[in-house]
Amino acid sequence: MNVIARLGLASTDVPLATWPDLPGDWTRVVHPTLLETIGLHAALSVATKALHLANHLADV
């Protein structure tokens, strides 16, 4: 089975990893990338909030 991890953004999908021809139970192979994706999402959320706050403070 071919497995592809993608990060869905508002304007596009970003491929994160591809595992061609994974046999059987592939969750142990893919799980670390999913954890990295969750961490990336959290970091982007914090950065976005910080940018919005900086822009708000600059307008005041």
PDB file of N, CA and C in Angstrom:
ATOM      1  N   MET A   1       0.840  -1.162   0.000  1.00  0.00           N
ATOM      2  CA  MET A   1       0.000   0.000   0.000  1.00  0.00           C
ATOM      3  C   MET A   1       0.894   1.238   0.000  1.00  0.00           C
ATOM      4  N   ASN A   2       0.588   2.203  -0.863  1.00  0.00           N
ATOM      5  CA  ASN A   2       1.295   3.474  -0.881  1.00  0.00           C
ATOM      6  C   ASN A   2       0.623   4.428   0.110  1.00  0.00           C
ATOM      7  N   VAL A   3       1.418   5.034   0.985  1.00  0.00           N
ATOM      8  CA  VAL A   3       0.901   5.951   1.995  1.00  0.00           C
ATOM      9  C   VAL A   3       1.586   7.292   1.814  1.00  0.00           C
ATOM     10  N   ILE A   4       0.794   8.359   1.809  1.00  0.00           N
ATOM     11  CA  ILE A   4       1.318   9.714   1.669  1.00  0.00           C
ATOM     12  C   ILE A   4       0.746  10.564   2.797  1.00  0.00           C
ATOM     13  N   ALA A   5       1.621  11.285   3.506  1.00  0.00           N
ATOM     14  CA  ALA A   5       1.186  12.218   4.544  1.00  0.00           C
ATOM     15  C   ALA A   5       1.188  13.614   3.934  1.00  0.00           C
ATOM     16  N   ARG A   6       0.047  14.304   4.075  1.00  0.00           N
ATOM     17  CA  ARG A   6      -0.079  15.657   3.527  1.00  0.00           C
ATOM     18  C   ARG A   6      -0.548  16.604   4.613  1.00  0.00           C
ATOM     19  N   LEU A   7      -0.067  17.844   4.552  1.00  0.00           N
ATOM     20  CA  LEU A   7      -0.535  18.899   5.438  1.00  0.00           C
ATOM     21  C   LEU A   7      -1.468  19.779   4.628  1.00  0.00           C
ATOM     22  N   GLY A   8      -2.739  19.801   4.999  1.00  0.00           N
ATOM     23  CA  GLY A   8      -3.726  20.583   4.268  1.00  0.00           C
ATOM     24  C   GLY A   8      -3.748  22.019   4.754  1.00  0.00           C
ATOM     25  N   LEU A   9      -3.296  22.929   3.916  1.00  0.00           N
ATOM     26  CA  LEU A   9      -3.331  24.351   4.232  1.00  0.00           C
ATOM     27  C   LEU A   9      -4.505  24.988   3.510  1.00  0.00           C
ATOM     28  N   ALA A  10      -4.804  26.228   3.830  1.00  0.00           N
ATOM     29  CA  ALA A  10      -5.949  26.907   3.230  1.00  0.00           C
ATOM     30  C   ALA A  10      -5.814  27.004   1.710  1.00  0.00           C
ATOM     31  N   SER A  11      -4.604  27.224   1.227  1.00  0.00           N
ATOM     32  CA  SER A  11      -4.429  27.443  -0.206  1.00  0.00           C
ATOM     33  C   SER A  11      -3.899  26.233  -0.966  1.00  0.00           C
ATOM     34  N   THR A  12      -3.362  25.243  -0.269  1.00  0.00           N
ATOM     35  CA  THR A  12      -2.764  24.096  -0.958  1.00  0.00           C
ATOM     36  C   THR A  12      -2.537  22.944   0.019  1.00  0.00           C
ATOM     37  N   ASP A  13      -2.209  21.785  -0.505  1.00  0.00           N
ATOM     38  CA  ASP A  13      -1.761  20.652   0.296  1.00  0.00           C
ATOM     39  C   ASP A  13      -0.249  20.533   0.156  1.00  0.00           C
ATOM     40  N   VAL A  14       0.425  20.328   1.284  1.00  0.00           N
ATOM     41  CA  VAL A  14       1.880  20.185   1.274  1.00  0.00           C
ATOM     42  C   VAL A  14       2.207  18.730   1.598  1.00  0.00           C
ATOM     43  N   PRO A  15       2.881  18.029   0.670  1.00  0.00           N
ATOM     44  CA  PRO A  15       3.276  16.653   0.978  1.00  0.00           C
ATOM     45  C   PRO A  15       4.397  16.645   2.019  1.00  0.00           C
ATOM     46  N   LEU A  16       4.226  15.838   3.067  1.00  0.00           N
ATOM     47  CA  LEU A  16       5.229  15.750   4.123  1.00  0.00           C
ATOM     48  C   LEU A  16       6.110  14.517   3.977  1.00  0.00           C
ATOM     49  N   ALA A  17       5.516  13.418   3.572  1.00  0.00           N
ATOM     50  CA  ALA A  17       6.277  12.174   3.447  1.00  0.00           C
ATOM     51  C   ALA A  17       5.529  11.210   2.552  1.00  0.00           C
ATOM     52  N   THR A  18       6.277  10.300   1.943  1.00  0.00           N
ATOM     53  CA  THR A  18       5.706   9.255   1.102  1.00  0.00           C
ATOM     54  C   THR A  18       6.376   7.930   1.466  1.00  0.00           C
ATOM     55  N   TRP A  19       5.562   6.916   1.656  1.00  0.00           N
ATOM     56  CA  TRP A  19       6.060   5.575   1.914  1.00  0.00           C
ATOM     57  C   TRP A  19       5.477   4.653   0.853  1.00  0.00           C
ATOM     58  N   PRO A  20       6.232   4.335  -0.179  1.00  0.00           N
ATOM     59  CA  PRO A  20       5.709   3.442  -1.215  1.00  0.00           C
ATOM     60  C   PRO A  20       5.769   1.979  -0.762  1.00  0.00           C
ATOM     61  N   ASP A  21       4.752   1.238  -1.138  1.00  0.00           N
ATOM     62  CA  ASP A  21       4.703  -0.215  -0.925  1.00  0.00           C
ATOM     63  C   ASP A  21       4.893  -0.653   0.530  1.00  0.00           C
ATOM     64  N   LEU A  22       4.187   0.009   1.461  1.00  0.00           N
ATOM     65  CA  LEU A  22       4.261  -0.430   2.853  1.00  0.00           C
ATOM     66  C   LEU A  22       3.445  -1.706   3.029  1.00  0.00           C
ATOM     67  N   PRO A  23       4.047  -2.734   3.585  1.00  0.00           N
ATOM     68  CA  PRO A  23       3.309  -3.971   3.794  1.00  0.00           C
ATOM     69  C   PRO A  23       2.576  -3.979   5.134  1.00  0.00           C
ATOM     70  N   GLY A  24       1.474  -4.669   5.192  1.00  0.00           N
ATOM     71  CA  GLY A  24       0.786  -4.952   6.446  1.00  0.00           C
ATOM     72  C   GLY A  24       0.431  -3.733   7.283  1.00  0.00           C
ATOM     73  N   ASP A  25       0.733  -3.821   8.586  1.00  0.00           N
ATOM     74  CA  ASP A  25       0.419  -2.763   9.535  1.00  0.00           C
ATOM     75  C   ASP A  25       1.475  -1.669   9.430  1.00  0.00           C
ATOM     76  N   TRP A  26       1.119  -0.565   8.802  1.00  0.00           N
ATOM     77  CA  TRP A  26       2.075   0.512   8.553  1.00  0.00           C
ATOM     78  C   TRP A  26       2.001   1.624   9.590  1.00  0.00           C
ATOM     79  N   THR A  27       1.162   1.487  10.613  1.00  0.00           N
ATOM     80  CA  THR A  27       0.988   2.573  11.579  1.00  0.00           C
ATOM     81  C   THR A  27       2.264   2.893  12.363  1.00  0.00           C
ATOM     82  N   ARG A  28       3.076   1.896  12.680  1.00  0.00           N
ATOM     83  CA  ARG A  28       4.328   2.157  13.414  1.00  0.00           C
ATOM     84  C   ARG A  28       5.315   2.946  12.574  1.00  0.00           C
ATOM     85  N   VAL A  29       5.268   2.802  11.265  1.00  0.00           N
ATOM     86  CA  VAL A  29       6.166   3.543  10.376  1.00  0.00           C
ATOM     87  C   VAL A  29       5.704   4.995  10.236  1.00  0.00           C
ATOM     88  N   VAL A  30       4.400   5.198  10.140  1.00  0.00           N
ATOM     89  CA  VAL A  30       3.836   6.511   9.855  1.00  0.00           C
ATOM     90  C   VAL A  30       3.667   7.356  11.121  1.00  0.00           C
ATOM     91  N   HIS A  31       3.483   6.732  12.260  1.00  0.00           N
ATOM     92  CA  HIS A  31       3.175   7.438  13.506  1.00  0.00           C
ATOM     93  C   HIS A  31       4.142   8.583  13.839  1.00  0.00           C
ATOM     94  N   PRO A  32       5.480   8.421  13.724  1.00  0.00           N
ATOM     95  CA  PRO A  32       6.377   9.545  14.031  1.00  0.00           C
ATOM     96  C   PRO A  32       6.110  10.781  13.165  1.00  0.00           C
ATOM     97  N   THR A  33       5.793  10.601  11.906  1.00  0.00           N
ATOM     98  CA  THR A  33       5.515  11.734  11.036  1.00  0.00           C
ATOM     99  C   THR A  33       4.226  12.431  11.459  1.00  0.00           C
ATOM    100  N   LEU A  34       3.246  11.671  11.891  1.00  0.00           N
ATOM    101  CA  LEU A  34       2.013  12.284  12.377  1.00  0.00           C
ATOM    102  C   LEU A  34       2.284  13.131  13.606  1.00  0.00           C
ATOM    103  N   LEU A  35       3.130  12.652  14.515  1.00  0.00           N
ATOM    104  CA  LEU A  35       3.486  13.438  15.695  1.00  0.00           C
ATOM    105  C   LEU A  35       4.238  14.712  15.301  1.00  0.00           C
ATOM    106  N   GLU A  36       5.121  14.616  14.327  1.00  0.00           N
ATOM    107  CA  GLU A  36       5.828  15.799  13.839  1.00  0.00           C
ATOM    108  C   GLU A  36       4.855  16.797  13.218  1.00  0.00           C
ATOM    109  N   THR A  37       3.864  16.312  12.510  1.00  0.00           N
ATOM    110  CA  THR A  37       2.863  17.180  11.889  1.00  0.00           C
ATOM    111  C   THR A  37       2.037  17.902  12.947  1.00  0.00           C
ATOM    112  N   ILE A  38       1.671  17.198  13.988  1.00  0.00           N
ATOM    113  CA  ILE A  38       0.922  17.832  15.083  1.00  0.00           C
ATOM    114  C   ILE A  38       1.775  18.920  15.734  1.00  0.00           C
ATOM    115  N   GLY A  39       3.054  18.651  15.938  1.00  0.00           N
ATOM    116  CA  GLY A  39       3.963  19.656  16.493  1.00  0.00           C
ATOM    117  C   GLY A  39       4.122  20.849  15.580  1.00  0.00           C
ATOM    118  N   LEU A  40       4.220  20.603  14.283  1.00  0.00           N
ATOM    119  CA  LEU A  40       4.327  21.688  13.305  1.00  0.00           C
ATOM    120  C   LEU A  40       3.072  22.543  13.329  1.00  0.00           C
ATOM    121  N   HIS A  41       1.917  21.916  13.399  1.00  0.00           N
ATOM    122  CA  HIS A  41       0.655  22.657  13.464  1.00  0.00           C
ATOM    123  C   HIS A  41       0.613  23.540  14.707  1.00  0.00           C
ATOM    124  N   ALA A  42       1.025  23.009  15.839  1.00  0.00           N
ATOM    125  CA  ALA A  42       1.034  23.786  17.080  1.00  0.00           C
ATOM    126  C   ALA A  42       1.989  24.976  16.965  1.00  0.00           C
ATOM    127  N   ALA A  43       3.161  24.751  16.404  1.00  0.00           N
ATOM    128  CA  ALA A  43       4.132  25.837  16.249  1.00  0.00           C
ATOM    129  C   ALA A  43       3.613  26.917  15.308  1.00  0.00           C
ATOM    130  N   LEU A  44       2.970  26.516  14.209  1.00  0.00           N
ATOM    131  CA  LEU A  44       2.412  27.497  13.287  1.00  0.00           C
ATOM    132  C   LEU A  44       1.275  28.281  13.921  1.00  0.00           C
ATOM    133  N   SER A  45       0.483  27.638  14.757  1.00  0.00           N
ATOM    134  CA  SER A  45      -0.607  28.324  15.457  1.00  0.00           C
ATOM    135  C   SER A  45      -0.060  29.383  16.401  1.00  0.00           C
ATOM    136  N   VAL A  46       0.966  29.041  17.155  1.00  0.00           N
ATOM    137  CA  VAL A  46       1.580  30.002  18.079  1.00  0.00           C
ATOM    138  C   VAL A  46       2.193  31.157  17.298  1.00  0.00           C
ATOM    139  N   ALA A  47       2.894  30.861  16.212  1.00  0.00           N
ATOM    140  CA  ALA A  47       3.520  31.911  15.413  1.00  0.00           C
ATOM    141  C   ALA A  47       2.472  32.840  14.802  1.00  0.00           C
ATOM    142  N   THR A  48       1.361  32.290  14.344  1.00  0.00           N
ATOM    143  CA  THR A  48       0.291  33.098  13.769  1.00  0.00           C
ATOM    144  C   THR A  48      -0.319  34.022  14.816  1.00  0.00           C
ATOM    145  N   LYS A  49      -0.573  33.488  16.006  1.00  0.00           N
ATOM    146  CA  LYS A  49      -1.135  34.306  17.088  1.00  0.00           C
ATOM    147  C   LYS A  49      -0.157  35.406  17.496  1.00  0.00           C
ATOM    148  N   ALA A  50       1.124  35.094  17.559  1.00  0.00           N
ATOM    149  CA  ALA A  50       2.128  36.104  17.902  1.00  0.00           C
ATOM    150  C   ALA A  50       2.188  37.198  16.840  1.00  0.00           C
ATOM    151  N   LEU A  51       2.087  36.823  15.581  1.00  0.00           N
ATOM    152  CA  LEU A  51       2.096  37.804  14.494  1.00  0.00           C
ATOM    153  C   LEU A  51       0.872  38.712  14.564  1.00  0.00           C
ATOM    154  N   HIS A  52      -0.298  38.132  14.832  1.00  0.00           N
ATOM    155  CA  HIS A  52      -1.511  38.934  14.971  1.00  0.00           C
ATOM    156  C   HIS A  52      -1.395  39.899  16.152  1.00  0.00           C
ATOM    157  N   LEU A  53      -0.841  39.429  17.254  1.00  0.00           N
ATOM    158  CA  LEU A  53      -0.664  40.286  18.419  1.00  0.00           C
ATOM    159  C   LEU A  53       0.324  41.416  18.123  1.00  0.00           C
ATOM    160  N   ALA A  54       1.427  41.099  17.463  1.00  0.00           N
ATOM    161  CA  ALA A  54       2.411  42.124  17.101  1.00  0.00           C
ATOM    162  C   ALA A  54       1.794  43.173  16.180  1.00  0.00           C
ATOM    163  N   ASN A  55       1.000  42.731  15.222  1.00  0.00           N
ATOM    164  CA  ASN A  55       0.343  43.676  14.314  1.00  0.00           C
ATOM    165  C   ASN A  55      -0.662  44.543  15.074  1.00  0.00           C
ATOM    166  N   HIS A  56      -1.385  43.949  15.995  1.00  0.00           N
ATOM    167  CA  HIS A  56      -2.359  44.697  16.798  1.00  0.00           C
ATOM    168  C   HIS A  56      -1.650  45.751  17.649  1.00  0.00           C
ATOM    169  N   LEU A  57      -0.556  45.372  18.295  1.00  0.00           N
ATOM    170  CA  LEU A  57       0.196  46.317  19.135  1.00  0.00           C
ATOM    171  C   LEU A  57       0.839  47.421  18.308  1.00  0.00           C
ATOM    172  N   ALA A  58       1.217  47.127  17.085  1.00  0.00           N
ATOM    173  CA  ALA A  58       1.816  48.146  16.214  1.00  0.00           C
ATOM    174  C   ALA A  58       0.779  49.173  15.778  1.00  0.00           C
ATOM    175  N   ASP A  59      -0.501  48.760  15.713  1.00  0.00           N
ATOM    176  CA  ASP A  59      -1.571  49.671  15.306  1.00  0.00           C
ATOM    177  C   ASP A  59      -2.020  50.576  16.460  1.00  0.00           C
ATOM    178  N   VAL A  60      -1.705  50.184  17.686  1.00  0.00           N
ATOM    179  CA  VAL A  60      -2.190  50.946  18.846  1.00  0.00           C
ATOM    180  C   VAL A  60      -1.363  52.171  19.088  1.00  0.00           C
TER     181      VAL A  60
END
